[in-house]
Each structure stands twice: as C-alpha cells, then as structure tokens.
Amino acid sequence: MKISLIRSSFQFVSPSTISSFTQATTCPLDIPENLFYGVKSACGPSTHHRPSPEFYSSELHRSRCCPVLAAWLYSAYSQTGLRAAAMAAKSPPAQAVSYDMPVLPDDSETCVETLEKALANKGVQLPGPNATCDVVYCYCGIRLHPFSCPEAFSVNTRGKLVGGESVKRLERDCLNYGHGGGLGGCSKCLHSLYLLNGDKAGRSNRTDRTSKMHNQDCELMGLTWLLNKNRSAYIHTVSAVLRAIIMNTDDSTDPENCSLNSDDMPLAVDSSEINSQSLSTILETRIYHHLFPLFLFCVSIVFSFVTRY
C-alpha cells in the first residue's frame, strides 16, 4: 500500500507537471549550515563518484543523493509544513482537503528555487541530468505540501499541533537509529512509521487512490515531525528510512526492512564528519574498528595454543 509514497512523491516527474506560482509566492525554509555539507557530500561529485555520462542514471547515486536531499529539505520545510497542517486541522470538516479531488498545486517549485539559491550562495551546485530536469523535483521527485494525518496528530485547546500515542512511539523507535543502531534501528523506525495510520475503522468507502495518498501524508508528516522536533537526533534515521521507501521497487508491498548503502556510510553526513576527515579516512577507520577485535581474538587463540604445547 505505501508504495504510493514513491509513486506520488518520489517518482521521476516530467518538468511539464511542475506547478506554476506567482512571483509573490515564497517558501520559508529553515536552512542550517549542515544542510550544505550533507547535500554536497551526497549529491555532489567526488573522487568516489566522478561525473560521467551515466552519473545521473546510476542506481548508487540515486540511492545516496535523493534520501539525503529529501531528509534535509523536509527538515528545512518542517516548520512551514507543520504550521500549515495545524491551520488545516482547525478548519471545519467541510473545508478539509478531499483526497478524491485533483491534486492541488504544492510548494515544490518555489521551495526548490529557494533551496537552489541558498545552495548557490554557498557554492554548492546541483546540476540536473539535463537542461530541463532539476535534481530536487524532477530527478528525485521530492514534493512539499501541507500534510494531514488526523489519526496521529491533532490540535490541542491552545491551537498547537500535538502527536498521539503512535507519534510518541515513533519518536522513541526512531531516536538515534532506534537506540540499537544500524539496520535494525532503521527498520524499527520504519515499522513504527507504518503504524501512524493504524486506525482503519470507518474508512471502507475510501478509494484506493485516497488510501494511498492518505498513507503518504501520514508517513511524510511523521518524518517531518521528527526532523522538526530534533533535527540532529533524527536526521540519520530519517535519511535511511527515506532510502528504504524511495528504493523499494515492489509495487505490491511496502519495504519491511532497511538495507545498507553500498559504502556503509550514514546517509546524512554532517559537517563535522566532512571537515575532520575524508570519506576514505572514515571508511578506513570503520574497517579498523571491525577487524581489529577479530585480529586480537585470533592472536589470543594462537598464543594459547603455543603456550599449551
């Protein structure tokens, strides 16, 4: 069911489908310094990913760039998107958005322009696969719009957007890779994300398209909520979860588990990792930490054998 998240928000989009906006339209984004480092590391050319004619058609590049770009952009957009969700939740039911209506223009085009200008000011370029296709909207298919998930979120008496029990579970299970770290923690977060839309009662009259779009909204709203709550604590987990969703190619089922990125690196690399050491140095350090205990174990076995005989 949740494969719609990919088809609707993360598919390769024709440039002709981009919504038109007036010049007065703005997209407030909260862009931290780490965004520039993270996006440049994941999406920019490097000694490990040299530009080539197949650079943008490479599955490896898509699996690394798009989840990181999506995570940082949803983080930057989180205050704007959640504020709009709170306002929509306070609207009378008659004014609520119908999922059976055509999709309304979203904030994507304006937000992409805002992000690209900010990146350019920092010397970070995101060249698209061709002259008519940008990286954010067209290549990665990242779209931004106000979210709605009344099963998991509500507005309290003070007009503040709050999360229910399923949101609290999501916060616990996704914090720092679910506390357990690695793929297990990411998969734990992924499963909790699916539970945000757990109340299926009274919705038998919904169309398949309606259900898919609603599931998508709940999942993206949940991830955006985490990034707004504590960006540094959740950015790695959200990136990994987005990668599992984006790279899932099975239309008949949702991704059940997270998988390793090919270079075994956290997806949303931050500035401290980039400034202090190169990616190759980080990889060498990780290999050392994995192999050195094994080496000591082998030495101890050999030593015990020698002393015994």
C-alpha atoms as a PDB file:
ATOM      1  CA  MET A   1       0.000   0.000   0.000  1.00  0.00           C
ATOM      2  CA  LYS A   2       2.647   2.538   0.992  1.00  0.00           C
ATOM      3  CA  ILE A   3       4.418   2.106  -2.325  1.00  0.00           C
ATOM      4  CA  SER A   4       2.310   5.142  -3.234  1.00  0.00           C
ATOM      5  CA  LEU A   5       4.804   7.221  -1.287  1.00  0.00           C
ATOM      6  CA  ILE A   6       7.299   6.532  -4.031  1.00  0.00           C
ATOM      7  CA  ARG A   7       4.898   6.811  -6.921  1.00  0.00           C
ATOM      8  CA  SER A   8       3.353  10.050  -5.718  1.00  0.00           C
ATOM      9  CA  SER A   9       6.164  11.934  -4.010  1.00  0.00           C
ATOM     10  CA  PHE A  10       9.377  10.301  -5.158  1.00  0.00           C
ATOM     11  CA  GLN A  11       8.815   9.398  -8.782  1.00  0.00           C
ATOM     12  CA  PHE A  12      10.706  10.856 -11.736  1.00  0.00           C
ATOM     13  CA  VAL A  13       8.476  13.786 -12.688  1.00  0.00           C
ATOM     14  CA  SER A  14       8.147  15.403 -16.064  1.00  0.00           C
ATOM     15  CA  PRO A  15       9.115  19.093 -15.905  1.00  0.00           C
ATOM     16  CA  SER A  16       5.790  19.968 -17.512  1.00  0.00           C
ATOM     17  CA  THR A  17       3.957  18.849 -14.353  1.00  0.00           C
ATOM     18  CA  ILE A  18       5.615  21.448 -12.105  1.00  0.00           C
ATOM     19  CA  SER A  19       3.008  23.802 -10.679  1.00  0.00           C
ATOM     20  CA  SER A  20       3.042  27.467 -11.611  1.00  0.00           C
ATOM     21  CA  PHE A  21       3.288  30.130  -8.899  1.00  0.00           C
ATOM     22  CA  THR A  22       3.068  33.863  -8.793  1.00  0.00           C
ATOM     23  CA  GLN A  23       6.223  35.859  -8.165  1.00  0.00           C
ATOM     24  CA  ALA A  24       4.832  36.867  -4.788  1.00  0.00           C
ATOM     25  CA  THR A  25       4.801  33.277  -3.564  1.00  0.00           C
ATOM     26  CA  THR A  26       7.541  32.498  -1.075  1.00  0.00           C
ATOM     27  CA  CYS A  27       8.735  29.352   0.651  1.00  0.00           C
ATOM     28  CA  PRO A  28      10.192  29.970   4.122  1.00  0.00           C
ATOM     29  CA  LEU A  29      12.907  27.381   4.735  1.00  0.00           C
ATOM     30  CA  ASP A  30      14.977  26.938   7.890  1.00  0.00           C
ATOM     31  CA  ILE A  31      18.317  26.046   6.292  1.00  0.00           C
ATOM     32  CA  PRO A  32      21.149  25.107   8.704  1.00  0.00           C
ATOM     33  CA  GLU A  33      24.822  25.072   7.780  1.00  0.00           C
ATOM     34  CA  ASN A  34      24.901  21.275   7.962  1.00  0.00           C
ATOM     35  CA  LEU A  35      22.450  21.063   5.084  1.00  0.00           C
ATOM     36  CA  PHE A  36      25.035  22.421   2.661  1.00  0.00           C
ATOM     37  CA  TYR A  37      27.673  19.920   3.773  1.00  0.00           C
ATOM     38  CA  GLY A  38      25.268  16.987   3.791  1.00  0.00           C
ATOM     39  CA  VAL A  39      23.815  17.720   0.355  1.00  0.00           C
ATOM     40  CA  LYS A  40      27.221  18.403  -1.184  1.00  0.00           C
ATOM     41  CA  SER A  41      28.584  15.139   0.200  1.00  0.00           C
ATOM     42  CA  ALA A  42      25.640  13.049  -1.000  1.00  0.00           C
ATOM     43  CA  CYS A  43      24.832  14.698  -4.322  1.00  0.00           C
ATOM     44  CA  GLY A  44      27.992  16.460  -5.464  1.00  0.00           C
ATOM     45  CA  PRO A  45      30.789  14.866  -7.496  1.00  0.00           C
ATOM     46  CA  SER A  46      33.691  13.402  -5.550  1.00  0.00           C
ATOM     47  CA  THR A  47      36.692  11.168  -6.073  1.00  0.00           C
ATOM     48  CA  HIS A  48      34.421   8.216  -5.382  1.00  0.00           C
ATOM     49  CA  HIS A  49      31.617   9.317  -7.716  1.00  0.00           C
ATOM     50  CA  ARG A  50      33.180  11.041 -10.707  1.00  0.00           C
ATOM     51  CA  PRO A  51      30.807  12.679 -13.198  1.00  0.00           C
ATOM     52  CA  SER A  52      30.219  10.537 -16.249  1.00  0.00           C
ATOM     53  CA  PRO A  53      27.506  10.109 -18.896  1.00  0.00           C
ATOM     54  CA  GLU A  54      25.877   7.578 -16.555  1.00  0.00           C
ATOM     55  CA  PHE A  55      26.313   9.719 -13.431  1.00  0.00           C
ATOM     56  CA  TYR A  56      22.628  10.545 -13.001  1.00  0.00           C
ATOM     57  CA  SER A  57      21.301   7.210 -14.192  1.00  0.00           C
ATOM     58  CA  SER A  58      23.364   5.339 -11.609  1.00  0.00           C
ATOM     59  CA  GLU A  59      21.293   3.484  -9.006  1.00  0.00           C
ATOM     60  CA  LEU A  60      24.017   4.090  -6.434  1.00  0.00           C
ATOM     61  CA  HIS A  61      23.876   7.837  -6.890  1.00  0.00           C
ATOM     62  CA  ARG A  62      20.083   7.958  -6.693  1.00  0.00           C
ATOM     63  CA  SER A  63      20.061   5.818  -3.570  1.00  0.00           C
ATOM     64  CA  ARG A  64      22.514   8.141  -1.841  1.00  0.00           C
ATOM     65  CA  CYS A  65      21.582  11.604  -3.107  1.00  0.00           C
ATOM     66  CA  CYS A  66      17.778  11.552  -3.089  1.00  0.00           C
ATOM     67  CA  PRO A  67      17.199  10.312   0.507  1.00  0.00           C
ATOM     68  CA  VAL A  68      19.687  12.820   1.923  1.00  0.00           C
ATOM     69  CA  LEU A  69      18.274  15.645  -0.161  1.00  0.00           C
ATOM     70  CA  ALA A  70      14.732  14.717   0.874  1.00  0.00           C
ATOM     71  CA  ALA A  71      15.614  14.484   4.577  1.00  0.00           C
ATOM     72  CA  TRP A  72      17.338  17.874   4.660  1.00  0.00           C
ATOM     73  CA  LEU A  73      14.629  19.556   2.586  1.00  0.00           C
ATOM     74  CA  TYR A  74      11.816  18.156   4.750  1.00  0.00           C
ATOM     75  CA  SER A  75      13.762  19.336   7.778  1.00  0.00           C
ATOM     76  CA  ALA A  76      14.102  22.843   6.357  1.00  0.00           C
ATOM     77  CA  TYR A  77      10.411  22.824   5.398  1.00  0.00           C
ATOM     78  CA  SER A  78       9.166  21.277   8.654  1.00  0.00           C
ATOM     79  CA  GLN A  79       8.055  24.452  10.435  1.00  0.00           C
ATOM     80  CA  THR A  80       6.225  25.757   7.372  1.00  0.00           C
ATOM     81  CA  GLY A  81       4.599  22.411   6.561  1.00  0.00           C
ATOM     82  CA  LEU A  82       3.514  21.587  10.109  1.00  0.00           C
ATOM     83  CA  ARG A  83       2.195  25.101  10.674  1.00  0.00           C
ATOM     84  CA  ALA A  84       0.013  24.692   7.592  1.00  0.00           C
ATOM     85  CA  ALA A  85      -1.104  21.274   8.844  1.00  0.00           C
ATOM     86  CA  ALA A  86      -2.171  22.794  12.172  1.00  0.00           C
ATOM     87  CA  MET A  87      -4.158  25.501  10.403  1.00  0.00           C
ATOM     88  CA  ALA A  88      -5.848  22.913   8.183  1.00  0.00           C
ATOM     89  CA  ALA A  89      -6.698  20.751  11.201  1.00  0.00           C
ATOM     90  CA  LYS A  90      -8.529  23.677  12.804  1.00  0.00           C
ATOM     91  CA  SER A  91     -10.656  24.195   9.683  1.00  0.00           C
ATOM     92  CA  PRO A  92     -14.276  22.969   9.654  1.00  0.00           C
ATOM     93  CA  PRO A  93     -14.714  19.491   8.134  1.00  0.00           C
ATOM     94  CA  ALA A  94     -16.417  20.967   5.073  1.00  0.00           C
ATOM     95  CA  GLN A  95     -13.233  22.854   4.255  1.00  0.00           C
ATOM     96  CA  ALA A  96     -10.944  19.874   4.660  1.00  0.00           C
ATOM     97  CA  VAL A  97      -8.998  18.754   1.620  1.00  0.00           C
ATOM     98  CA  SER A  98     -10.598  15.874  -0.271  1.00  0.00           C
ATOM     99  CA  TYR A  99      -8.175  13.225  -1.479  1.00  0.00           C
ATOM    100  CA  ASP A 100     -10.605  12.334  -4.254  1.00  0.00           C
ATOM    101  CA  MET A 101     -10.183  15.773  -5.815  1.00  0.00           C
ATOM    102  CA  PRO A 102      -7.352  16.565  -8.258  1.00  0.00           C
ATOM    103  CA  VAL A 103      -4.033  17.272  -6.527  1.00  0.00           C
ATOM    104  CA  LEU A 104      -3.689  20.982  -5.834  1.00  0.00           C
ATOM    105  CA  PRO A 105      -0.503  22.946  -6.560  1.00  0.00           C
ATOM    106  CA  ASP A 106       2.050  22.474  -3.787  1.00  0.00           C
ATOM    107  CA  ASP A 107       5.078  24.392  -2.555  1.00  0.00           C
ATOM    108  CA  SER A 108       7.596  22.359  -4.546  1.00  0.00           C
ATOM    109  CA  GLU A 109       8.621  24.783  -7.289  1.00  0.00           C
ATOM    110  CA  THR A 110       9.025  27.791  -5.023  1.00  0.00           C
ATOM    111  CA  CYS A 111      10.831  25.773  -2.343  1.00  0.00           C
ATOM    112  CA  VAL A 112      13.192  24.278  -4.914  1.00  0.00           C
ATOM    113  CA  GLU A 113      14.066  27.772  -6.113  1.00  0.00           C
ATOM    114  CA  THR A 114      14.672  28.898  -2.521  1.00  0.00           C
ATOM    115  CA  LEU A 115      16.899  25.901  -1.828  1.00  0.00           C
ATOM    116  CA  GLU A 116      18.866  26.218  -5.066  1.00  0.00           C
ATOM    117  CA  LYS A 117      19.561  29.901  -4.411  1.00  0.00           C
ATOM    118  CA  ALA A 118      20.766  29.112  -0.883  1.00  0.00           C
ATOM    119  CA  LEU A 119      22.988  26.301  -2.165  1.00  0.00           C
ATOM    120  CA  ALA A 120      24.400  28.503  -4.935  1.00  0.00           C
ATOM    121  CA  ASN A 121      25.281  31.180  -2.385  1.00  0.00           C
ATOM    122  CA  LYS A 122      27.377  28.542  -0.602  1.00  0.00           C
ATOM    123  CA  GLY A 123      28.983  27.360  -3.819  1.00  0.00           C
ATOM    124  CA  VAL A 124      27.022  24.093  -3.930  1.00  0.00           C
ATOM    125  CA  GLN A 125      25.689  23.205  -7.372  1.00  0.00           C
ATOM    126  CA  LEU A 126      23.080  20.540  -8.121  1.00  0.00           C
ATOM    127  CA  PRO A 127      23.262  20.071 -11.898  1.00  0.00           C
ATOM    128  CA  GLY A 128      20.333  18.048 -13.191  1.00  0.00           C
ATOM    129  CA  PRO A 129      20.546  15.120 -15.602  1.00  0.00           C
ATOM    130  CA  ASN A 130      19.629  17.501 -18.412  1.00  0.00           C
ATOM    131  CA  ALA A 131      18.750  21.142 -19.014  1.00  0.00           C
ATOM    132  CA  THR A 132      15.025  20.671 -18.344  1.00  0.00           C
ATOM    133  CA  CYS A 133      15.185  18.454 -15.241  1.00  0.00           C
ATOM    134  CA  ASP A 134      16.245  19.721 -11.823  1.00  0.00           C
ATOM    135  CA  VAL A 135      17.537  17.364  -9.139  1.00  0.00           C
ATOM    136  CA  VAL A 136      15.067  18.039  -6.316  1.00  0.00           C
ATOM    137  CA  TYR A 137      11.681  17.981  -8.007  1.00  0.00           C
ATOM    138  CA  CYS A 138      12.263  16.260 -11.346  1.00  0.00           C
ATOM    139  CA  TYR A 139      15.072  13.763 -10.711  1.00  0.00           C
ATOM    140  CA  CYS A 140      14.374  12.821  -7.074  1.00  0.00           C
ATOM    141  CA  GLY A 141      10.654  13.639  -7.233  1.00  0.00           C
ATOM    142  CA  ILE A 142      10.575  15.380  -3.845  1.00  0.00           C
ATOM    143  CA  ARG A 143       7.360  17.328  -3.342  1.00  0.00           C
ATOM    144  CA  LEU A 144       6.389  19.601  -0.469  1.00  0.00           C
ATOM    145  CA  HIS A 145       2.840  20.340   0.612  1.00  0.00           C
ATOM    146  CA  PRO A 146       0.814  20.728   3.823  1.00  0.00           C
ATOM    147  CA  PHE A 147       0.217  17.371   5.473  1.00  0.00           C
ATOM    148  CA  SER A 148      -2.851  15.789   7.052  1.00  0.00           C
ATOM    149  CA  CYS A 149      -2.978  12.776   9.370  1.00  0.00           C
ATOM    150  CA  PRO A 150      -5.797  13.177  11.929  1.00  0.00           C
ATOM    151  CA  GLU A 151      -5.318   9.592  13.166  1.00  0.00           C
ATOM    152  CA  ALA A 152      -1.928  10.525  14.617  1.00  0.00           C
ATOM    153  CA  PHE A 153      -1.973  14.318  15.020  1.00  0.00           C
ATOM    154  CA  SER A 154      -4.451  16.796  16.448  1.00  0.00           C
ATOM    155  CA  VAL A 155      -4.651  20.402  17.602  1.00  0.00           C
ATOM    156  CA  ASN A 156      -4.996  20.992  21.348  1.00  0.00           C
ATOM    157  CA  THR A 157      -7.038  23.685  23.070  1.00  0.00           C
ATOM    158  CA  ARG A 158      -4.164  26.151  22.680  1.00  0.00           C
ATOM    159  CA  GLY A 159      -4.122  25.650  18.928  1.00  0.00           C
ATOM    160  CA  LYS A 160      -0.853  23.692  18.995  1.00  0.00           C
ATOM    161  CA  LEU A 161      -0.280  20.627  16.831  1.00  0.00           C
ATOM    162  CA  VAL A 162       0.369  17.586  19.033  1.00  0.00           C
ATOM    163  CA  GLY A 163       1.077  13.920  18.368  1.00  0.00           C
ATOM    164  CA  GLY A 164      -0.813  10.964  19.785  1.00  0.00           C
ATOM    165  CA  GLU A 165       0.482   7.661  21.162  1.00  0.00           C
ATOM    166  CA  SER A 166       1.600   6.397  17.761  1.00  0.00           C
ATOM    167  CA  VAL A 167       3.683   9.559  17.316  1.00  0.00           C
ATOM    168  CA  LYS A 168       5.292   9.100  20.726  1.00  0.00           C
ATOM    169  CA  ARG A 169       6.158   5.528  19.757  1.00  0.00           C
ATOM    170  CA  LEU A 170       7.643   6.826  16.512  1.00  0.00           C
ATOM    171  CA  GLU A 171       9.781   9.312  18.436  1.00  0.00           C
ATOM    172  CA  ARG A 172      11.142   6.527  20.661  1.00  0.00           C
ATOM    173  CA  ASP A 173      11.725   3.996  17.908  1.00  0.00           C
ATOM    174  CA  CYS A 174      13.443   6.420  15.536  1.00  0.00           C
ATOM    175  CA  LEU A 175      15.675   8.230  18.022  1.00  0.00           C
ATOM    176  CA  ASN A 176      19.321   7.687  17.067  1.00  0.00           C
ATOM    177  CA  TYR A 177      18.565   4.691  14.855  1.00  0.00           C
ATOM    178  CA  GLY A 178      16.126   3.264  17.384  1.00  0.00           C
ATOM    179  CA  HIS A 179      18.842   3.220  20.090  1.00  0.00           C
ATOM    180  CA  GLY A 180      20.023  -0.125  18.715  1.00  0.00           C
ATOM    181  CA  GLY A 181      21.758   1.493  15.768  1.00  0.00           C
ATOM    182  CA  GLY A 182      22.326   0.211  12.267  1.00  0.00           C
ATOM    183  CA  LEU A 183      19.802  -1.513  10.059  1.00  0.00           C
ATOM    184  CA  GLY A 184      17.791  -2.932  12.951  1.00  0.00           C
ATOM    185  CA  GLY A 185      17.131   0.513  14.380  1.00  0.00           C
ATOM    186  CA  CYS A 186      16.213   1.881  10.966  1.00  0.00           C
ATOM    187  CA  SER A 187      13.780  -0.997  10.338  1.00  0.00           C
ATOM    188  CA  LYS A 188      12.244  -0.466  13.773  1.00  0.00           C
ATOM    189  CA  CYS A 189      11.615   3.162  12.867  1.00  0.00           C
ATOM    190  CA  LEU A 190      10.165   2.141   9.502  1.00  0.00           C
ATOM    191  CA  HIS A 191       7.660  -0.211  11.118  1.00  0.00           C
ATOM    192  CA  SER A 192       6.552   2.443  13.613  1.00  0.00           C
ATOM    193  CA  LEU A 193       6.052   4.855  10.743  1.00  0.00           C
ATOM    194  CA  TYR A 194       3.519   2.490   9.191  1.00  0.00           C
ATOM    195  CA  LEU A 195       1.506   2.490  12.434  1.00  0.00           C
ATOM    196  CA  LEU A 196       0.718   6.209  12.267  1.00  0.00           C
ATOM    197  CA  ASN A 197      -2.241   5.435  10.046  1.00  0.00           C
ATOM    198  CA  GLY A 198      -3.245   2.423  12.109  1.00  0.00           C
ATOM    199  CA  ASP A 199      -6.921   3.262  12.642  1.00  0.00           C
ATOM    200  CA  LYS A 200      -8.644   1.777   9.602  1.00  0.00           C
ATOM    201  CA  ALA A 201     -12.161   1.820  11.072  1.00  0.00           C
ATOM    202  CA  GLY A 202     -14.875   3.659   9.201  1.00  0.00           C
ATOM    203  CA  ARG A 203     -12.868   4.156   6.026  1.00  0.00           C
ATOM    204  CA  SER A 204     -14.194   1.374   3.812  1.00  0.00           C
ATOM    205  CA  ASN A 205     -15.698   3.960   1.463  1.00  0.00           C
ATOM    206  CA  ARG A 206     -12.290   5.358   0.554  1.00  0.00           C
ATOM    207  CA  THR A 207     -10.922   4.697  -2.888  1.00  0.00           C
ATOM    208  CA  ASP A 208      -7.554   3.026  -3.378  1.00  0.00           C
ATOM    209  CA  ARG A 209      -6.092   6.347  -4.532  1.00  0.00           C
ATOM    210  CA  THR A 210      -7.475   8.053  -1.444  1.00  0.00           C
ATOM    211  CA  SER A 211      -5.916   5.483   0.889  1.00  0.00           C
ATOM    212  CA  LYS A 212      -2.552   5.671  -0.822  1.00  0.00           C
ATOM    213  CA  MET A 213      -2.420   9.458  -0.656  1.00  0.00           C
ATOM    214  CA  HIS A 214      -3.515   9.448   2.968  1.00  0.00           C
ATOM    215  CA  ASN A 215      -0.865   6.871   3.907  1.00  0.00           C
ATOM    216  CA  GLN A 216       1.710   9.001   2.126  1.00  0.00           C
ATOM    217  CA  ASP A 217       0.633  12.080   4.059  1.00  0.00           C
ATOM    218  CA  CYS A 218       0.866  10.296   7.412  1.00  0.00           C
ATOM    219  CA  GLU A 219       4.319   8.915   6.685  1.00  0.00           C
ATOM    220  CA  LEU A 220       5.777  12.177   5.403  1.00  0.00           C
ATOM    221  CA  MET A 221       4.139  14.123   8.218  1.00  0.00           C
ATOM    222  CA  GLY A 222       5.619  11.695  10.750  1.00  0.00           C
ATOM    223  CA  LEU A 223       9.132  12.046   9.354  1.00  0.00           C
ATOM    224  CA  THR A 224       8.779  15.819   9.108  1.00  0.00           C
ATOM    225  CA  TRP A 225       7.579  15.910  12.713  1.00  0.00           C
ATOM    226  CA  LEU A 226      10.720  14.067  13.845  1.00  0.00           C
ATOM    227  CA  LEU A 227      13.011  16.439  11.960  1.00  0.00           C
ATOM    228  CA  ASN A 228      11.226  19.450  13.413  1.00  0.00           C
ATOM    229  CA  LYS A 229      11.422  18.010  16.932  1.00  0.00           C
ATOM    230  CA  ASN A 230      15.178  17.312  16.905  1.00  0.00           C
ATOM    231  CA  ARG A 231      16.992  17.543  13.596  1.00  0.00           C
ATOM    232  CA  SER A 232      20.376  16.271  14.782  1.00  0.00           C
ATOM    233  CA  ALA A 233      18.909  13.290  16.652  1.00  0.00           C
ATOM    234  CA  TYR A 234      16.711  12.079  13.794  1.00  0.00           C
ATOM    235  CA  ILE A 235      18.379  13.148  10.518  1.00  0.00           C
ATOM    236  CA  HIS A 236      20.397   9.926  10.025  1.00  0.00           C
ATOM    237  CA  THR A 237      17.433   7.662  10.774  1.00  0.00           C
ATOM    238  CA  VAL A 238      15.038   9.637   8.580  1.00  0.00           C
ATOM    239  CA  SER A 239      17.542   9.544   5.704  1.00  0.00           C
ATOM    240  CA  ALA A 240      17.840   5.764   5.989  1.00  0.00           C
ATOM    241  CA  VAL A 241      14.066   5.287   6.198  1.00  0.00           C
ATOM    242  CA  LEU A 242      13.535   7.508   3.163  1.00  0.00           C
ATOM    243  CA  ARG A 243      16.120   5.481   1.283  1.00  0.00           C
ATOM    244  CA  ALA A 244      14.216   2.251   2.030  1.00  0.00           C
ATOM    245  CA  ILE A 245      10.983   3.814   0.793  1.00  0.00           C
ATOM    246  CA  ILE A 246      12.462   5.504  -2.264  1.00  0.00           C
ATOM    247  CA  MET A 247      14.413   2.464  -3.445  1.00  0.00           C
ATOM    248  CA  ASN A 248      11.577  -0.033  -2.971  1.00  0.00           C
ATOM    249  CA  THR A 249      10.604  -1.281  -6.434  1.00  0.00           C
ATOM    250  CA  ASP A 250       7.911  -3.779  -5.417  1.00  0.00           C
ATOM    251  CA  ASP A 251       4.551  -2.168  -6.170  1.00  0.00           C
ATOM    252  CA  SER A 252       2.654  -4.839  -4.255  1.00  0.00           C
ATOM    253  CA  THR A 253       4.193  -4.363  -0.821  1.00  0.00           C
ATOM    254  CA  ASP A 254       5.881  -1.901   1.492  1.00  0.00           C
ATOM    255  CA  PRO A 255       9.578  -2.174   2.335  1.00  0.00           C
ATOM    256  CA  GLU A 256       9.818  -4.230   5.515  1.00  0.00           C
ATOM    257  CA  ASN A 257      13.446  -3.531   6.334  1.00  0.00           C
ATOM    258  CA  CYS A 258      16.209  -1.040   5.708  1.00  0.00           C
ATOM    259  CA  SER A 259      19.257  -2.014   3.679  1.00  0.00           C
ATOM    260  CA  LEU A 260      22.883  -0.940   3.691  1.00  0.00           C
ATOM    261  CA  ASN A 261      24.044   1.841   1.451  1.00  0.00           C
ATOM    262  CA  SER A 262      26.806   0.467  -0.749  1.00  0.00           C
ATOM    263  CA  ASP A 263      29.557   2.418   1.043  1.00  0.00           C
ATOM    264  CA  ASP A 264      28.271   1.562   4.553  1.00  0.00           C
ATOM    265  CA  MET A 265      28.180   5.253   5.449  1.00  0.00           C
ATOM    266  CA  PRO A 266      25.392   7.156   7.222  1.00  0.00           C
ATOM    267  CA  LEU A 267      23.397   8.870   4.510  1.00  0.00           C
ATOM    268  CA  ALA A 268      23.076  12.332   6.032  1.00  0.00           C
ATOM    269  CA  VAL A 269      26.760  13.111   6.572  1.00  0.00           C
ATOM    270  CA  ASP A 270      27.165  16.299   8.594  1.00  0.00           C
ATOM    271  CA  SER A 271      29.822  18.990   8.544  1.00  0.00           C
ATOM    272  CA  SER A 272      31.901  17.570  11.386  1.00  0.00           C
ATOM    273  CA  GLU A 273      32.382  14.312   9.503  1.00  0.00           C
ATOM    274  CA  ILE A 274      33.311  16.091   6.291  1.00  0.00           C
ATOM    275  CA  ASN A 275      35.582  18.734   7.810  1.00  0.00           C
ATOM    276  CA  SER A 276      37.517  16.455  10.131  1.00  0.00           C
ATOM    277  CA  GLN A 277      38.302  13.669   7.719  1.00  0.00           C
ATOM    278  CA  SER A 278      37.725  12.492   4.188  1.00  0.00           C
ATOM    279  CA  LEU A 279      35.204   9.801   3.333  1.00  0.00           C
ATOM    280  CA  SER A 280      38.015   7.352   2.609  1.00  0.00           C
ATOM    281  CA  THR A 281      39.523   8.018   6.041  1.00  0.00           C
ATOM    282  CA  ILE A 282      36.163   7.393   7.687  1.00  0.00           C
ATOM    283  CA  LEU A 283      35.814   4.120   5.829  1.00  0.00           C
ATOM    284  CA  GLU A 284      39.329   3.050   6.832  1.00  0.00           C
ATOM    285  CA  THR A 285      38.537   3.862  10.456  1.00  0.00           C
ATOM    286  CA  ARG A 286      35.332   1.819  10.328  1.00  0.00           C
ATOM    287  CA  ILE A 287      37.136  -1.150   8.791  1.00  0.00           C
ATOM    288  CA  TYR A 288      39.799  -0.909  11.517  1.00  0.00           C
ATOM    289  CA  HIS A 289      37.203  -0.944  14.290  1.00  0.00           C
ATOM    290  CA  HIS A 290      35.553  -4.005  12.766  1.00  0.00           C
ATOM    291  CA  LEU A 291      38.708  -6.019  12.020  1.00  0.00           C
ATOM    292  CA  PHE A 292      40.940  -5.157  14.984  1.00  0.00           C
ATOM    293  CA  PRO A 293      38.845  -7.077  17.574  1.00  0.00           C
ATOM    294  CA  LEU A 294      38.881 -10.081  15.238  1.00  0.00           C
ATOM    295  CA  PHE A 295      42.657  -9.797  14.939  1.00  0.00           C
ATOM    296  CA  LEU A 296      43.072  -9.740  18.733  1.00  0.00           C
ATOM    297  CA  PHE A 297      40.832 -12.776  19.035  1.00  0.00           C
ATOM    298  CA  CYS A 298      42.939 -14.733  16.529  1.00  0.00           C
ATOM    299  CA  VAL A 299      46.159 -13.719  18.296  1.00  0.00           C
ATOM    300  CA  SER A 300      44.788 -14.902  21.635  1.00  0.00           C
ATOM    301  CA  ILE A 301      43.910 -18.297  20.153  1.00  0.00           C
ATOM    302  CA  VAL A 302      47.378 -18.708  18.630  1.00  0.00           C
ATOM    303  CA  PHE A 303      49.043 -17.627  21.877  1.00  0.00           C
ATOM    304  CA  SER A 304      47.039 -20.080  23.973  1.00  0.00           C
ATOM    305  CA  PHE A 305      47.864 -22.877  21.533  1.00  0.00           C
ATOM    306  CA  VAL A 306      51.614 -22.087  21.635  1.00  0.00           C
ATOM    307  CA  THR A 307      51.783 -21.856  25.425  1.00  0.00           C
ATOM    308  CA  ARG A 308      49.888 -25.109  25.804  1.00  0.00           C
ATOM    309  CA  TYR A 309      52.333 -27.049  23.647  1.00  0.00           C
END
